[in-house]
Amino acid sequence: MIDTIFVDLGDTFRVIRKDEAYSHAARKRICDLLGVEADPDTFYHEVIEPRYDKYREWALTFYCEAPVKVLWTRWLAYDLPRERVEAAADELTWAYRKTKGERVVTDGGIETIKELYHRGYTLGIVSDLVGTEEVDDWLDRDQLRPYFKTVQQSSVCLIRKPHPAIYYYALEECGSRPENTCYVGDNLNRDIVGAKAAGLGMTVAVQYPGKKPQTVTDENRPDHFITHFSQLLDLFPPR
């Protein structure tokens, strides 16, 4: 009965490739944009990251993503010149994302998405992340935009999983029914719980090798676990 598949991005369809030089350059860019004369790594670890932890606590409490200008002027750089911070907010956010490493599509991901599309499934992205430009740039660069009928980002709709509303936005844009939709994600307490709250008919959790095990409960238990993205092809035959 499944005709629609929504996927998460972070640690599901895309993974982080660690590169210290790449991350250091991003930290330096944050300092340059803010006009901060400090060691980039020290400023990042002692100032930006503790402040982001406070922001994340707020975001997870209220299931909300703040607009990037608010993120930087209220939480991350509230003690620096407001006009400068607001003007650089988009680029600052993209640089912050890069401090974690380079995000690339997981092994077999592109081939799997294309095959599911050709098998007749409606595909969409429902993802929590900060920033509004990164995903659009990536979809165009990897030429993946034609395969996704909806792209819902918490940074755009300002709602985070597990709030069911972000799933409803995706369903409405696709014209899909919840009971005929599957969600694929990695975080049991956000991705799976949220999908169930929205009434989706099926849930799949990815558990890539090396990732920290999660506690499985009746509330967050998915219908299936997979260890490689391409295993979705075993679950979804041609329609």
Protein backbone atom coordinates (compact mmCIF):
# COMPACT_ATOMS: atom_id res chain seq x y z
CA MET A 1 0.00 0.00 0.00
CA ILE A 2 3.01 2.34 0.28
CA ASP A 3 3.26 4.76 -2.66
CA THR A 4 5.23 7.61 -1.04
CA ILE A 5 8.61 7.57 0.72
CA PHE A 6 10.01 10.47 2.73
CA VAL A 7 13.66 10.43 3.81
CA ASP A 8 15.66 12.24 6.45
CA LEU A 9 18.99 13.82 5.48
CA GLY A 10 21.52 13.86 8.35
CA ASP A 11 22.95 10.40 9.08
CA THR A 12 20.32 8.88 6.79
CA PHE A 13 20.63 10.01 3.18
CA ARG A 14 23.69 12.14 3.84
CA VAL A 15 26.60 11.47 6.18
CA ILE A 16 29.51 13.55 7.46
CA ARG A 17 32.98 12.99 6.04
CA LYS A 18 35.48 14.24 8.62
CA ASP A 19 38.21 16.57 7.34
CA GLU A 20 40.00 18.73 9.90
CA ALA A 21 41.35 21.17 7.32
CA TYR A 22 37.83 21.61 5.93
CA SER A 23 36.42 22.17 9.42
CA HIS A 24 39.20 24.58 10.44
CA ALA A 25 38.60 26.69 7.33
CA ALA A 26 34.93 26.93 8.27
CA ARG A 27 35.76 28.04 11.81
CA LYS A 28 38.09 30.68 10.44
CA ARG A 29 35.35 31.88 8.11
CA ILE A 30 33.02 32.36 11.08
CA CYS A 31 35.63 34.55 12.79
CA ASP A 32 36.20 36.56 9.61
CA LEU A 33 32.49 37.15 9.08
CA LEU A 34 31.99 38.24 12.67
CA GLY A 35 35.13 40.38 12.75
CA VAL A 36 36.51 38.39 15.68
CA GLU A 37 40.26 38.41 16.19
CA ALA A 38 40.78 35.12 17.98
CA ASP A 39 42.07 31.65 17.34
CA PRO A 40 39.27 30.12 15.19
CA ASP A 41 39.32 26.74 16.89
CA THR A 42 39.32 28.22 20.40
CA PHE A 43 36.53 30.68 19.57
CA TYR A 44 34.45 27.91 18.04
CA HIS A 45 34.87 25.41 20.89
CA GLU A 46 34.68 27.87 23.78
CA VAL A 47 32.09 30.35 22.48
CA ILE A 48 30.04 29.12 19.53
CA GLU A 49 29.52 25.48 20.53
CA PRO A 50 28.39 26.13 24.14
CA ARG A 51 25.97 28.74 22.85
CA TYR A 52 24.69 26.39 20.19
CA ASP A 53 24.06 23.77 22.86
CA LYS A 54 21.77 26.27 24.60
CA TYR A 55 20.01 26.97 21.33
CA ARG A 56 19.57 23.27 20.60
CA GLU A 57 18.03 22.76 24.04
CA TRP A 58 15.48 25.44 23.21
CA ALA A 59 14.83 24.01 19.73
CA LEU A 60 14.24 20.49 21.02
CA THR A 61 11.99 21.76 23.81
CA PHE A 62 9.67 23.70 21.52
CA TYR A 63 10.08 21.62 18.31
CA CYS A 64 11.07 24.82 16.57
CA GLU A 65 13.90 26.01 14.34
CA ALA A 66 14.77 29.69 14.61
CA PRO A 67 15.30 31.83 11.51
CA VAL A 68 19.03 32.21 10.92
CA LYS A 69 19.11 35.91 11.82
CA VAL A 70 17.47 35.09 15.15
CA LEU A 71 19.80 32.14 15.69
CA TRP A 72 22.85 34.36 15.47
CA THR A 73 21.55 37.53 17.13
CA ARG A 74 19.81 35.79 20.03
CA TRP A 75 22.06 32.81 20.71
CA LEU A 76 25.36 32.56 18.88
CA ALA A 77 26.66 36.13 18.48
CA TYR A 78 24.35 38.28 20.59
CA ASP A 79 27.28 40.30 21.95
CA LEU A 80 28.56 41.44 18.54
CA PRO A 81 27.31 44.26 16.27
CA ARG A 82 23.77 43.30 15.29
CA GLU A 83 23.79 44.73 11.76
CA ARG A 84 26.99 42.90 10.87
CA VAL A 85 25.68 39.64 12.31
CA GLU A 86 22.33 39.87 10.53
CA ALA A 87 23.96 40.70 7.20
CA ALA A 88 26.17 37.61 7.42
CA ALA A 89 23.63 35.23 9.00
CA ASP A 90 23.13 32.99 5.96
CA GLU A 91 26.83 32.58 5.30
CA LEU A 92 27.58 32.17 9.00
CA THR A 93 25.08 29.32 9.18
CA TRP A 94 26.55 27.56 6.17
CA ALA A 95 30.01 27.95 7.69
CA TYR A 96 28.77 26.53 10.98
CA ARG A 97 27.44 23.47 9.17
CA LYS A 98 30.84 22.99 7.54
CA THR A 99 32.60 22.98 10.91
CA LYS A 100 31.25 19.46 11.44
CA GLY A 101 32.78 18.15 8.22
CA GLU A 102 31.74 17.71 4.61
CA ARG A 103 28.28 16.26 4.03
CA VAL A 104 28.05 13.68 1.27
CA VAL A 105 25.38 11.26 0.10
CA THR A 106 25.67 7.88 1.80
CA ASP A 107 27.05 4.95 -0.16
CA GLY A 108 24.49 3.78 -2.71
CA GLY A 109 22.12 6.62 -1.86
CA ILE A 110 21.83 8.30 -5.24
CA GLU A 111 21.38 5.01 -7.09
CA THR A 112 18.71 3.90 -4.61
CA ILE A 113 16.71 7.12 -4.86
CA LYS A 114 16.76 7.00 -8.65
CA GLU A 115 15.66 3.37 -8.66
CA LEU A 116 12.80 4.02 -6.21
CA TYR A 117 11.69 6.90 -8.41
CA HIS A 118 11.72 4.70 -11.50
CA ARG A 119 9.83 2.01 -9.58
CA GLY A 120 6.95 4.47 -9.29
CA TYR A 121 7.28 5.90 -5.78
CA THR A 122 6.68 9.54 -4.89
CA LEU A 123 9.74 10.75 -2.97
CA GLY A 124 10.30 13.60 -0.55
CA ILE A 125 12.73 15.00 1.99
CA VAL A 126 11.72 15.91 5.56
CA SER A 127 14.74 17.14 7.50
CA ASP A 128 15.78 19.14 10.55
CA LEU A 129 18.74 21.42 9.85
CA VAL A 130 19.81 25.02 10.25
CA GLY A 131 20.21 27.21 7.17
CA THR A 132 18.09 27.69 4.07
CA GLU A 133 20.59 27.59 1.21
CA GLU A 134 22.63 24.42 1.71
CA VAL A 135 20.03 21.86 0.61
CA ASP A 136 19.01 23.74 -2.52
CA ASP A 137 22.65 24.10 -3.57
CA TRP A 138 23.29 20.40 -2.94
CA LEU A 139 20.20 19.19 -4.83
CA ASP A 140 21.21 21.23 -7.87
CA ARG A 141 24.87 20.20 -7.64
CA ASP A 142 24.08 16.48 -7.43
CA GLN A 143 21.22 16.84 -9.93
CA LEU A 144 18.74 15.24 -7.54
CA ARG A 145 16.00 17.86 -7.50
CA PRO A 146 13.80 16.14 -10.14
CA TYR A 147 13.44 13.04 -7.95
CA PHE A 148 11.89 14.76 -4.92
CA LYS A 149 8.36 16.12 -5.08
CA THR A 150 8.69 17.90 -1.74
CA VAL A 151 11.59 19.21 0.34
CA GLN A 152 10.55 20.17 3.86
CA GLN A 153 13.24 21.75 6.05
CA SER A 154 12.79 22.85 9.64
CA SER A 155 14.83 25.94 8.78
CA VAL A 156 12.14 26.96 6.27
CA CYS A 157 8.87 25.89 7.91
CA LEU A 158 10.37 26.55 11.40
CA ILE A 159 8.94 23.28 12.81
CA ARG A 160 11.18 20.44 13.98
CA LYS A 161 10.52 16.74 14.25
CA PRO A 162 8.94 14.99 16.08
CA HIS A 163 6.19 17.59 15.62
CA PRO A 164 3.81 15.99 13.10
CA ALA A 165 3.15 19.26 11.25
CA ILE A 166 6.37 19.06 9.22
CA TYR A 167 5.22 15.68 7.88
CA TYR A 168 1.79 17.10 7.08
CA TYR A 169 3.35 19.87 5.00
CA ALA A 170 5.18 17.22 2.97
CA LEU A 171 2.05 15.08 2.56
CA GLU A 172 0.01 18.07 1.42
CA GLU A 173 2.58 19.11 -1.18
CA CYS A 174 2.78 15.56 -2.55
CA GLY A 175 -0.95 14.91 -2.43
CA SER A 176 -0.20 11.71 -0.52
CA ARG A 177 -2.12 9.96 2.23
CA PRO A 178 -0.42 9.30 5.58
CA GLU A 179 -1.36 5.63 5.60
CA ASN A 180 0.31 5.13 2.21
CA THR A 181 3.53 6.89 3.21
CA CYS A 182 6.77 5.58 4.70
CA TYR A 183 9.40 7.60 6.56
CA VAL A 184 13.07 6.65 6.59
CA GLY A 185 15.27 8.17 9.30
CA ASP A 186 18.03 7.45 11.78
CA ASN A 187 16.81 8.99 15.05
CA LEU A 188 14.20 6.85 16.75
CA ASN A 189 12.96 9.52 19.15
CA ARG A 190 12.53 12.21 16.51
CA ASP A 191 12.19 10.61 13.08
CA ILE A 192 10.20 7.52 14.01
CA VAL A 193 8.13 9.01 16.83
CA GLY A 194 7.24 12.00 14.65
CA ALA A 195 6.26 9.84 11.68
CA LYS A 196 4.04 7.72 13.88
CA ALA A 197 2.45 10.84 15.40
CA ALA A 198 1.61 11.99 11.88
CA GLY A 199 -0.07 8.66 11.17
CA LEU A 200 2.36 7.45 8.54
CA GLY A 201 1.76 3.87 7.50
CA MET A 202 5.32 2.62 7.74
CA THR A 203 8.64 3.58 9.33
CA VAL A 204 12.20 2.45 8.56
CA ALA A 205 15.23 3.22 10.73
CA VAL A 206 18.79 3.17 9.40
CA GLN A 207 21.50 1.88 11.71
CA TYR A 208 24.79 2.38 9.93
CA PRO A 209 27.79 0.44 11.25
CA GLY A 210 29.69 2.28 13.96
CA LYS A 211 26.76 4.41 15.12
CA LYS A 212 25.86 4.44 18.80
CA PRO A 213 22.96 2.06 19.55
CA GLN A 214 19.65 3.64 20.53
CA THR A 215 17.16 2.40 23.10
CA VAL A 216 14.15 0.88 21.37
CA THR A 217 10.75 1.32 23.02
CA ASP A 218 7.18 0.57 21.97
CA GLU A 219 6.78 4.24 21.07
CA ASN A 220 9.85 4.58 18.84
CA ARG A 221 10.09 1.07 17.38
CA PRO A 222 10.17 1.20 13.56
CA ASP A 223 8.66 -1.41 11.28
CA HIS A 224 12.08 -2.19 9.81
CA PHE A 225 15.77 -1.60 10.49
CA ILE A 226 18.32 -1.36 7.68
CA THR A 227 22.11 -1.08 7.78
CA HIS A 228 22.64 0.15 4.19
CA PHE A 229 20.52 2.66 2.30
CA SER A 230 20.23 0.35 -0.71
CA GLN A 231 18.28 -2.15 1.42
CA LEU A 232 15.25 0.05 0.79
CA LEU A 233 15.06 -1.66 -2.58
CA ASP A 234 14.37 -4.94 -0.79
CA LEU A 235 11.39 -3.33 0.98
CA PHE A 236 9.86 -1.48 -1.95
CA PRO A 237 9.38 -3.49 -5.15
CA PRO A 238 8.21 -1.91 -8.43
CA ARG A 239 4.68 -0.59 -8.16
